[in-house]
N, C-alpha and C. Protein backbone atom coordinates (compact mmCIF):
# COMPACT_ATOMS: atom_id res chain seq x y z
N MET A 1 -0.07 -1.04 12.81
CA MET A 1 -0.78 -1.31 11.58
C MET A 1 -1.48 -2.65 11.69
N LYS A 2 -2.69 -2.68 11.18
CA LYS A 2 -3.48 -3.90 11.20
C LYS A 2 -3.67 -4.41 9.78
N LYS A 3 -3.90 -5.71 9.69
CA LYS A 3 -4.24 -6.31 8.40
C LYS A 3 -5.73 -6.62 8.41
N ASN A 4 -6.40 -6.32 7.30
CA ASN A 4 -7.81 -6.64 7.22
C ASN A 4 -7.98 -8.09 6.77
N LYS A 5 -9.21 -8.50 6.48
CA LYS A 5 -9.49 -9.90 6.13
C LYS A 5 -8.76 -10.34 4.86
N LEU A 6 -8.52 -9.40 3.97
CA LEU A 6 -7.84 -9.73 2.72
C LEU A 6 -6.32 -9.72 2.87
N GLY A 7 -5.83 -9.38 4.04
CA GLY A 7 -4.39 -9.35 4.27
C GLY A 7 -3.74 -8.03 3.88
N ILE A 8 -4.55 -7.01 3.58
CA ILE A 8 -4.01 -5.71 3.21
C ILE A 8 -3.80 -4.89 4.48
N VAL A 9 -2.66 -4.24 4.55
CA VAL A 9 -2.35 -3.43 5.72
C VAL A 9 -3.18 -2.15 5.67
N GLU A 10 -3.85 -1.84 6.77
CA GLU A 10 -4.62 -0.61 6.87
C GLU A 10 -3.93 0.30 7.87
N VAL A 11 -3.97 1.57 7.58
CA VAL A 11 -3.34 2.57 8.44
C VAL A 11 -4.43 3.42 9.04
N LYS A 12 -4.40 3.62 10.36
CA LYS A 12 -5.34 4.52 11.00
C LYS A 12 -4.76 5.92 10.92
N TRP A 13 -5.47 6.82 10.28
CA TRP A 13 -4.97 8.18 10.09
C TRP A 13 -5.25 9.02 11.32
N LYS A 14 -4.28 9.77 11.73
CA LYS A 14 -4.44 10.65 12.88
C LYS A 14 -4.45 12.09 12.40
N THR A 15 -5.26 12.36 11.39
CA THR A 15 -5.25 13.69 10.79
C THR A 15 -5.86 14.72 11.73
N LYS A 16 -6.83 14.32 12.53
CA LYS A 16 -7.43 15.30 13.44
C LYS A 16 -6.40 15.80 14.43
N ASN A 17 -5.57 14.90 14.92
CA ASN A 17 -4.55 15.29 15.88
C ASN A 17 -3.57 16.27 15.25
N ALA A 18 -3.04 15.94 14.08
CA ALA A 18 -2.08 16.80 13.41
C ALA A 18 -2.74 18.09 12.94
N ALA A 19 -3.94 17.98 12.38
CA ALA A 19 -4.62 19.17 11.88
C ALA A 19 -4.99 20.11 13.02
N TYR A 20 -5.15 19.58 14.21
CA TYR A 20 -5.47 20.41 15.37
C TYR A 20 -4.21 20.98 16.02
N ARG A 21 -3.18 20.14 16.16
CA ARG A 21 -1.98 20.55 16.89
C ARG A 21 -1.05 21.46 16.11
N LEU A 22 -0.86 21.19 14.82
CA LEU A 22 0.11 21.96 14.05
C LEU A 22 -0.20 23.45 13.98
N PRO A 23 -1.43 23.88 13.66
CA PRO A 23 -1.68 25.32 13.64
C PRO A 23 -1.44 25.99 14.99
N LYS A 24 -1.82 25.31 16.08
CA LYS A 24 -1.59 25.88 17.41
C LYS A 24 -0.10 26.00 17.72
N LEU A 25 0.68 24.98 17.34
CA LEU A 25 2.12 25.04 17.55
C LEU A 25 2.75 26.17 16.74
N PHE A 26 2.34 26.32 15.49
CA PHE A 26 2.88 27.39 14.66
C PHE A 26 2.60 28.76 15.28
N VAL A 27 1.36 28.98 15.71
CA VAL A 27 1.00 30.27 16.30
C VAL A 27 1.81 30.53 17.56
N THR A 28 1.92 29.53 18.43
CA THR A 28 2.69 29.68 19.67
C THR A 28 4.14 30.03 19.38
N ILE A 29 4.75 29.31 18.45
CA ILE A 29 6.16 29.54 18.14
C ILE A 29 6.36 30.90 17.49
N LEU A 30 5.46 31.30 16.60
CA LEU A 30 5.59 32.61 15.98
C LEU A 30 5.46 33.73 17.00
N LYS A 31 4.60 33.56 17.99
CA LYS A 31 4.49 34.57 19.05
C LYS A 31 5.79 34.66 19.85
N ILE A 32 6.38 33.51 20.15
CA ILE A 32 7.64 33.51 20.90
C ILE A 32 8.74 34.15 20.06
N LEU A 33 8.79 33.81 18.77
CA LEU A 33 9.85 34.37 17.91
C LEU A 33 9.71 35.87 17.71
N ASN A 34 8.51 36.40 17.83
CA ASN A 34 8.31 37.83 17.64
C ASN A 34 8.58 38.66 18.89
N ARG A 35 8.89 37.99 20.00
CA ARG A 35 9.27 38.75 21.19
C ARG A 35 10.56 39.51 20.90
N GLU A 36 10.76 40.61 21.56
CA GLU A 36 11.92 41.46 21.30
C GLU A 36 13.24 40.76 21.59
N ASP A 37 13.29 39.94 22.64
CA ASP A 37 14.55 39.28 22.98
C ASP A 37 14.89 38.13 22.04
N MET A 38 13.96 37.73 21.16
CA MET A 38 14.21 36.63 20.23
C MET A 38 14.62 37.11 18.85
N LYS A 39 14.51 38.37 18.58
CA LYS A 39 14.79 38.87 17.23
C LYS A 39 16.27 38.73 16.91
N ILE A 40 16.55 38.43 15.66
CA ILE A 40 17.93 38.28 15.20
C ILE A 40 18.53 39.68 15.05
N GLU A 41 19.79 39.78 15.39
CA GLU A 41 20.45 41.07 15.23
C GLU A 41 20.43 41.46 13.76
N ARG A 42 20.25 42.75 13.52
CA ARG A 42 20.13 43.22 12.14
C ARG A 42 21.45 43.16 11.38
N HIS A 43 22.57 43.10 12.08
CA HIS A 43 23.85 43.11 11.38
C HIS A 43 24.26 41.73 10.88
N ARG A 44 23.55 40.70 11.22
CA ARG A 44 23.90 39.36 10.76
C ARG A 44 23.30 39.13 9.38
N LYS A 45 24.15 39.06 8.37
CA LYS A 45 23.68 38.93 6.99
C LYS A 45 23.20 37.52 6.68
N ASN A 46 23.83 36.51 7.23
CA ASN A 46 23.52 35.13 6.88
C ASN A 46 22.44 34.50 7.73
N ALA A 47 21.90 35.23 8.67
CA ALA A 47 20.89 34.65 9.55
C ALA A 47 19.58 34.45 8.79
N VAL A 48 19.00 33.27 8.92
CA VAL A 48 17.73 32.96 8.27
C VAL A 48 16.62 33.29 9.25
N ASP A 49 15.59 33.93 8.78
CA ASP A 49 14.47 34.29 9.63
C ASP A 49 13.58 33.06 9.82
N LEU A 50 13.55 32.54 11.04
CA LEU A 50 12.77 31.33 11.32
C LEU A 50 11.28 31.55 11.09
N ALA A 51 10.80 32.75 11.41
CA ALA A 51 9.37 33.01 11.25
C ALA A 51 8.96 32.86 9.78
N LYS A 52 9.78 33.37 8.86
CA LYS A 52 9.45 33.25 7.44
C LYS A 52 9.51 31.80 6.98
N GLU A 53 10.53 31.06 7.44
CA GLU A 53 10.63 29.64 7.07
C GLU A 53 9.45 28.85 7.60
N LEU A 54 9.05 29.13 8.84
CA LEU A 54 7.90 28.43 9.41
C LEU A 54 6.62 28.78 8.67
N ALA A 55 6.47 30.04 8.27
CA ALA A 55 5.27 30.44 7.53
C ALA A 55 5.19 29.73 6.18
N LYS A 56 6.33 29.62 5.48
CA LYS A 56 6.35 28.90 4.19
C LYS A 56 5.98 27.43 4.40
N LEU A 57 6.57 26.84 5.43
CA LEU A 57 6.31 25.43 5.72
C LEU A 57 4.84 25.21 6.07
N PHE A 58 4.27 26.10 6.87
CA PHE A 58 2.88 25.96 7.27
C PHE A 58 1.95 26.13 6.07
N ASP A 59 2.26 27.07 5.17
CA ASP A 59 1.43 27.24 3.97
C ASP A 59 1.43 25.98 3.11
N LEU A 60 2.60 25.41 2.92
CA LEU A 60 2.70 24.20 2.10
C LEU A 60 1.98 23.03 2.77
N TRP A 61 2.13 22.90 4.08
CA TRP A 61 1.42 21.84 4.79
C TRP A 61 -0.09 22.04 4.68
N GLY A 62 -0.54 23.29 4.77
CA GLY A 62 -1.97 23.58 4.66
C GLY A 62 -2.54 23.18 3.30
N GLN A 63 -1.79 23.47 2.23
CA GLN A 63 -2.23 23.07 0.89
C GLN A 63 -2.32 21.55 0.80
N THR A 64 -1.33 20.88 1.35
CA THR A 64 -1.31 19.42 1.31
C THR A 64 -2.47 18.85 2.11
N GLU A 65 -2.73 19.43 3.26
CA GLU A 65 -3.82 18.95 4.12
C GLU A 65 -5.18 19.15 3.44
N ARG A 66 -5.34 20.29 2.76
CA ARG A 66 -6.61 20.54 2.06
C ARG A 66 -6.82 19.57 0.89
N ASN A 67 -5.75 19.19 0.24
CA ASN A 67 -5.85 18.29 -0.91
C ASN A 67 -5.70 16.82 -0.52
N ARG A 68 -5.73 16.53 0.74
CA ARG A 68 -5.50 15.17 1.21
C ARG A 68 -6.57 14.20 0.70
N LYS A 69 -7.74 14.69 0.41
CA LYS A 69 -8.82 13.82 -0.07
C LYS A 69 -8.48 13.21 -1.42
N GLN A 70 -7.54 13.81 -2.14
CA GLN A 70 -7.14 13.25 -3.42
C GLN A 70 -6.31 11.99 -3.24
N CYS A 71 -5.70 11.84 -2.08
CA CYS A 71 -4.90 10.64 -1.82
C CYS A 71 -5.85 9.48 -1.56
N PRO A 72 -5.57 8.33 -2.11
CA PRO A 72 -6.41 7.17 -1.77
C PRO A 72 -6.25 6.83 -0.30
N GLU A 73 -7.33 6.40 0.32
CA GLU A 73 -7.29 6.11 1.75
C GLU A 73 -6.51 4.85 2.07
N LYS A 74 -6.17 4.07 1.07
CA LYS A 74 -5.41 2.85 1.32
C LYS A 74 -3.95 3.20 1.51
N LEU A 75 -3.16 2.20 1.60
CA LEU A 75 -1.74 2.35 1.82
C LEU A 75 -1.08 2.94 0.58
N SER A 76 -0.75 4.23 0.61
CA SER A 76 -0.05 4.85 -0.51
C SER A 76 1.19 5.52 0.03
N VAL A 77 2.16 5.71 -0.84
CA VAL A 77 3.41 6.33 -0.42
C VAL A 77 3.16 7.74 0.09
N SER A 78 2.28 8.47 -0.59
CA SER A 78 2.01 9.86 -0.20
C SER A 78 1.38 9.94 1.18
N ASN A 79 0.39 9.08 1.46
CA ASN A 79 -0.25 9.12 2.77
C ASN A 79 0.69 8.67 3.87
N LEU A 80 1.46 7.62 3.61
CA LEU A 80 2.42 7.17 4.62
C LEU A 80 3.45 8.25 4.91
N PHE A 81 3.93 8.90 3.85
CA PHE A 81 4.90 9.97 4.02
C PHE A 81 4.30 11.12 4.82
N LEU A 82 3.06 11.50 4.49
CA LEU A 82 2.45 12.64 5.16
C LEU A 82 2.23 12.37 6.64
N VAL A 83 1.81 11.17 7.00
CA VAL A 83 1.62 10.82 8.41
C VAL A 83 2.96 10.90 9.15
N ASP A 84 4.00 10.33 8.55
CA ASP A 84 5.33 10.38 9.16
C ASP A 84 5.86 11.80 9.21
N PHE A 85 5.63 12.56 8.16
CA PHE A 85 6.06 13.96 8.11
C PHE A 85 5.40 14.77 9.22
N GLU A 86 4.10 14.59 9.40
CA GLU A 86 3.39 15.34 10.44
C GLU A 86 3.91 15.00 11.83
N ARG A 87 4.21 13.73 12.05
CA ARG A 87 4.75 13.32 13.34
C ARG A 87 6.13 13.96 13.58
N ASN A 88 6.99 13.94 12.56
CA ASN A 88 8.31 14.56 12.69
C ASN A 88 8.20 16.07 12.88
N LEU A 89 7.29 16.70 12.16
CA LEU A 89 7.13 18.14 12.27
C LEU A 89 6.62 18.53 13.65
N ILE A 90 5.67 17.77 14.18
CA ILE A 90 5.17 18.06 15.53
C ILE A 90 6.28 17.90 16.56
N ASN A 91 7.10 16.85 16.43
CA ASN A 91 8.22 16.66 17.36
C ASN A 91 9.23 17.80 17.25
N THR A 92 9.54 18.23 16.03
CA THR A 92 10.49 19.33 15.83
C THR A 92 9.95 20.62 16.44
N LEU A 93 8.68 20.91 16.21
CA LEU A 93 8.10 22.13 16.74
C LEU A 93 7.97 22.09 18.26
N ASP A 94 7.67 20.91 18.80
CA ASP A 94 7.64 20.78 20.27
C ASP A 94 9.01 21.05 20.87
N SER A 95 10.05 20.50 20.25
CA SER A 95 11.40 20.74 20.78
C SER A 95 11.79 22.20 20.61
N LEU A 96 11.38 22.83 19.51
CA LEU A 96 11.65 24.25 19.32
C LEU A 96 10.96 25.08 20.40
N LYS A 97 9.73 24.74 20.70
CA LYS A 97 8.99 25.48 21.73
C LYS A 97 9.68 25.36 23.08
N ARG A 98 10.15 24.15 23.40
CA ARG A 98 10.87 23.97 24.67
C ARG A 98 12.15 24.79 24.71
N VAL A 99 12.89 24.79 23.60
CA VAL A 99 14.15 25.55 23.55
C VAL A 99 13.88 27.04 23.68
N LEU A 100 12.87 27.53 22.98
CA LEU A 100 12.58 28.96 23.01
C LEU A 100 12.09 29.42 24.37
N ARG A 101 11.38 28.56 25.06
CA ARG A 101 10.86 28.95 26.37
C ARG A 101 11.88 28.78 27.49
N SER A 102 12.92 28.00 27.24
CA SER A 102 13.92 27.81 28.29
C SER A 102 14.75 29.07 28.44
N SER A 103 15.28 29.26 29.61
CA SER A 103 16.09 30.46 29.86
C SER A 103 17.54 30.24 29.50
N LYS A 104 17.89 29.05 29.02
CA LYS A 104 19.28 28.73 28.73
C LYS A 104 19.57 28.82 27.23
N LEU A 105 19.19 29.90 26.60
CA LEU A 105 19.47 30.04 25.18
C LEU A 105 20.95 30.28 24.98
N ASP A 106 21.49 29.61 24.01
CA ASP A 106 22.91 29.72 23.69
C ASP A 106 23.20 31.11 23.13
N GLU A 107 24.21 31.75 23.64
CA GLU A 107 24.56 33.09 23.18
C GLU A 107 25.00 33.09 21.72
N SER A 108 25.61 32.01 21.28
CA SER A 108 26.13 31.97 19.91
C SER A 108 25.05 31.62 18.88
N MET A 109 23.85 31.33 19.33
CA MET A 109 22.71 31.05 18.46
C MET A 109 22.91 29.80 17.60
N HIS A 110 23.71 28.82 18.08
CA HIS A 110 23.88 27.58 17.32
C HIS A 110 22.57 26.81 17.21
N TRP A 111 21.75 26.87 18.24
CA TRP A 111 20.48 26.16 18.22
C TRP A 111 19.63 26.65 17.06
N ARG A 112 19.69 27.95 16.78
CA ARG A 112 18.87 28.52 15.71
C ARG A 112 19.32 27.99 14.34
N SER A 113 20.63 27.92 14.12
CA SER A 113 21.10 27.44 12.81
C SER A 113 20.81 25.95 12.64
N LYS A 114 20.96 25.16 13.71
CA LYS A 114 20.66 23.73 13.60
C LYS A 114 19.18 23.50 13.30
N LEU A 115 18.33 24.24 13.99
CA LEU A 115 16.90 24.10 13.77
C LEU A 115 16.51 24.57 12.38
N THR A 116 17.10 25.65 11.92
CA THR A 116 16.78 26.16 10.59
C THR A 116 17.14 25.14 9.52
N ILE A 117 18.30 24.51 9.67
CA ILE A 117 18.69 23.47 8.72
C ILE A 117 17.69 22.32 8.74
N ARG A 118 17.25 21.93 9.93
CA ARG A 118 16.26 20.85 10.05
C ARG A 118 14.95 21.23 9.37
N LEU A 119 14.51 22.48 9.57
CA LEU A 119 13.27 22.94 8.95
C LEU A 119 13.39 23.03 7.43
N VAL A 120 14.56 23.44 6.95
CA VAL A 120 14.77 23.52 5.50
C VAL A 120 14.68 22.12 4.89
N TYR A 121 15.27 21.12 5.54
CA TYR A 121 15.17 19.75 5.04
C TYR A 121 13.73 19.25 5.06
N ILE A 122 13.01 19.54 6.13
CA ILE A 122 11.61 19.12 6.23
C ILE A 122 10.80 19.77 5.10
N HIS A 123 11.04 21.05 4.86
CA HIS A 123 10.32 21.77 3.82
C HIS A 123 10.62 21.18 2.44
N ALA A 124 11.89 20.90 2.17
CA ALA A 124 12.28 20.33 0.87
C ALA A 124 11.67 18.94 0.68
N GLU A 125 11.62 18.17 1.76
CA GLU A 125 11.05 16.83 1.69
C GLU A 125 9.56 16.88 1.37
N LEU A 126 8.85 17.78 2.03
CA LEU A 126 7.41 17.92 1.78
C LEU A 126 7.16 18.43 0.37
N LEU A 127 7.95 19.39 -0.07
CA LEU A 127 7.77 19.95 -1.40
C LEU A 127 8.06 18.92 -2.49
N ALA A 128 8.97 17.98 -2.23
CA ALA A 128 9.30 16.96 -3.22
C ALA A 128 8.13 16.00 -3.46
N LEU A 129 7.43 15.61 -2.42
CA LEU A 129 6.33 14.66 -2.59
C LEU A 129 4.99 15.31 -2.83
N PHE A 130 4.83 16.57 -2.42
CA PHE A 130 3.56 17.26 -2.58
C PHE A 130 3.78 18.62 -3.24
N PRO A 131 4.21 18.65 -4.51
CA PRO A 131 4.37 19.95 -5.15
C PRO A 131 3.01 20.63 -5.29
N ASN A 132 2.93 21.88 -4.91
CA ASN A 132 1.68 22.66 -4.91
C ASN A 132 0.60 22.01 -4.06
N GLY A 133 0.99 21.20 -3.10
CA GLY A 133 0.04 20.59 -2.19
C GLY A 133 -0.69 19.38 -2.74
N GLU A 134 -0.35 18.93 -3.93
CA GLU A 134 -1.02 17.78 -4.52
C GLU A 134 -0.10 16.57 -4.47
N PRO A 135 -0.65 15.40 -4.15
CA PRO A 135 0.20 14.21 -3.99
C PRO A 135 0.76 13.70 -5.31
N VAL A 136 1.94 13.18 -5.24
CA VAL A 136 2.57 12.51 -6.39
C VAL A 136 2.76 11.06 -5.97
N ASN A 137 2.07 10.16 -6.63
CA ASN A 137 2.13 8.75 -6.23
C ASN A 137 3.08 7.92 -7.08
N GLU A 138 3.61 8.48 -8.16
CA GLU A 138 4.54 7.74 -9.00
C GLU A 138 5.92 8.36 -8.87
N PHE A 139 6.90 7.52 -8.60
CA PHE A 139 8.26 7.99 -8.41
C PHE A 139 9.18 7.25 -9.36
N THR A 140 10.21 7.91 -9.82
CA THR A 140 11.22 7.26 -10.64
C THR A 140 12.56 7.43 -9.96
N PHE A 141 13.40 6.45 -10.13
CA PHE A 141 14.74 6.50 -9.56
C PHE A 141 15.73 6.84 -10.66
N ILE A 142 16.71 7.65 -10.33
CA ILE A 142 17.73 8.02 -11.30
C ILE A 142 18.68 6.84 -11.52
N ARG A 143 19.06 6.20 -10.45
CA ARG A 143 20.00 5.08 -10.57
C ARG A 143 19.22 3.77 -10.64
N PRO A 144 19.54 2.93 -11.62
CA PRO A 144 18.82 1.65 -11.74
C PRO A 144 19.05 0.73 -10.54
N GLU A 145 20.23 0.85 -9.89
CA GLU A 145 20.49 0.02 -8.71
C GLU A 145 19.51 0.34 -7.59
N ALA A 146 19.21 1.62 -7.44
CA ALA A 146 18.26 2.03 -6.39
C ALA A 146 16.87 1.50 -6.71
N GLN A 147 16.49 1.52 -7.97
CA GLN A 147 15.17 1.02 -8.35
C GLN A 147 15.07 -0.49 -8.12
N GLU A 148 16.12 -1.21 -8.45
CA GLU A 148 16.13 -2.66 -8.21
C GLU A 148 16.07 -2.97 -6.72
N TRP A 149 16.83 -2.23 -5.94
CA TRP A 149 16.82 -2.43 -4.49
C TRP A 149 15.42 -2.18 -3.93
N TRP A 150 14.77 -1.09 -4.38
CA TRP A 150 13.43 -0.76 -3.90
C TRP A 150 12.45 -1.88 -4.23
N ARG A 151 12.52 -2.40 -5.44
CA ARG A 151 11.61 -3.49 -5.83
C ARG A 151 11.87 -4.74 -5.01
N ASP A 152 13.16 -5.04 -4.75
CA ASP A 152 13.49 -6.23 -3.96
C ASP A 152 12.97 -6.11 -2.53
N VAL A 153 13.13 -4.94 -1.96
CA VAL A 153 12.76 -4.75 -0.55
C VAL A 153 11.26 -4.53 -0.38
N PHE A 154 10.67 -3.64 -1.18
CA PHE A 154 9.28 -3.24 -0.97
C PHE A 154 8.30 -3.77 -2.01
N GLY A 155 8.80 -4.31 -3.10
CA GLY A 155 7.90 -4.76 -4.15
C GLY A 155 7.40 -3.58 -4.96
N ASP A 156 6.51 -3.84 -5.89
CA ASP A 156 5.92 -2.77 -6.69
C ASP A 156 4.75 -2.17 -5.94
N TRP A 157 4.65 -0.86 -6.00
CA TRP A 157 3.52 -0.19 -5.36
C TRP A 157 2.40 -0.21 -6.33
């Protein structure tokens, strides 16, 4: 991060990279998941379908990306979160792609449940800050101690 002449921190957005890489990663992973050897056994009632979770996550990210122009280009919580979110999502999808392509898949499918939990948390995090794909720049804290701590550490936004 750089500071401009006024001392304000400016963030260089890497939206082209994320906007280019994420759709390709989603398509690649969905193709791998649709292979016959990757399908979840039909008798497992509690198994979450990764393809459906990824599709929901991609739809929500797409709405957020389309509405990104509503976010101010300066340092805002929504833009900082989205940049960090995209980086984490790309890393998660890259690791998923490596796991799916490796021949050492765990027979007990623990990798699938761990990844699904990670994707559910990522989805909930994105949905909390960008409901319906639109940024929310004002946040309130339930506990006053948390609000005081935030002001002490980060100041007022």
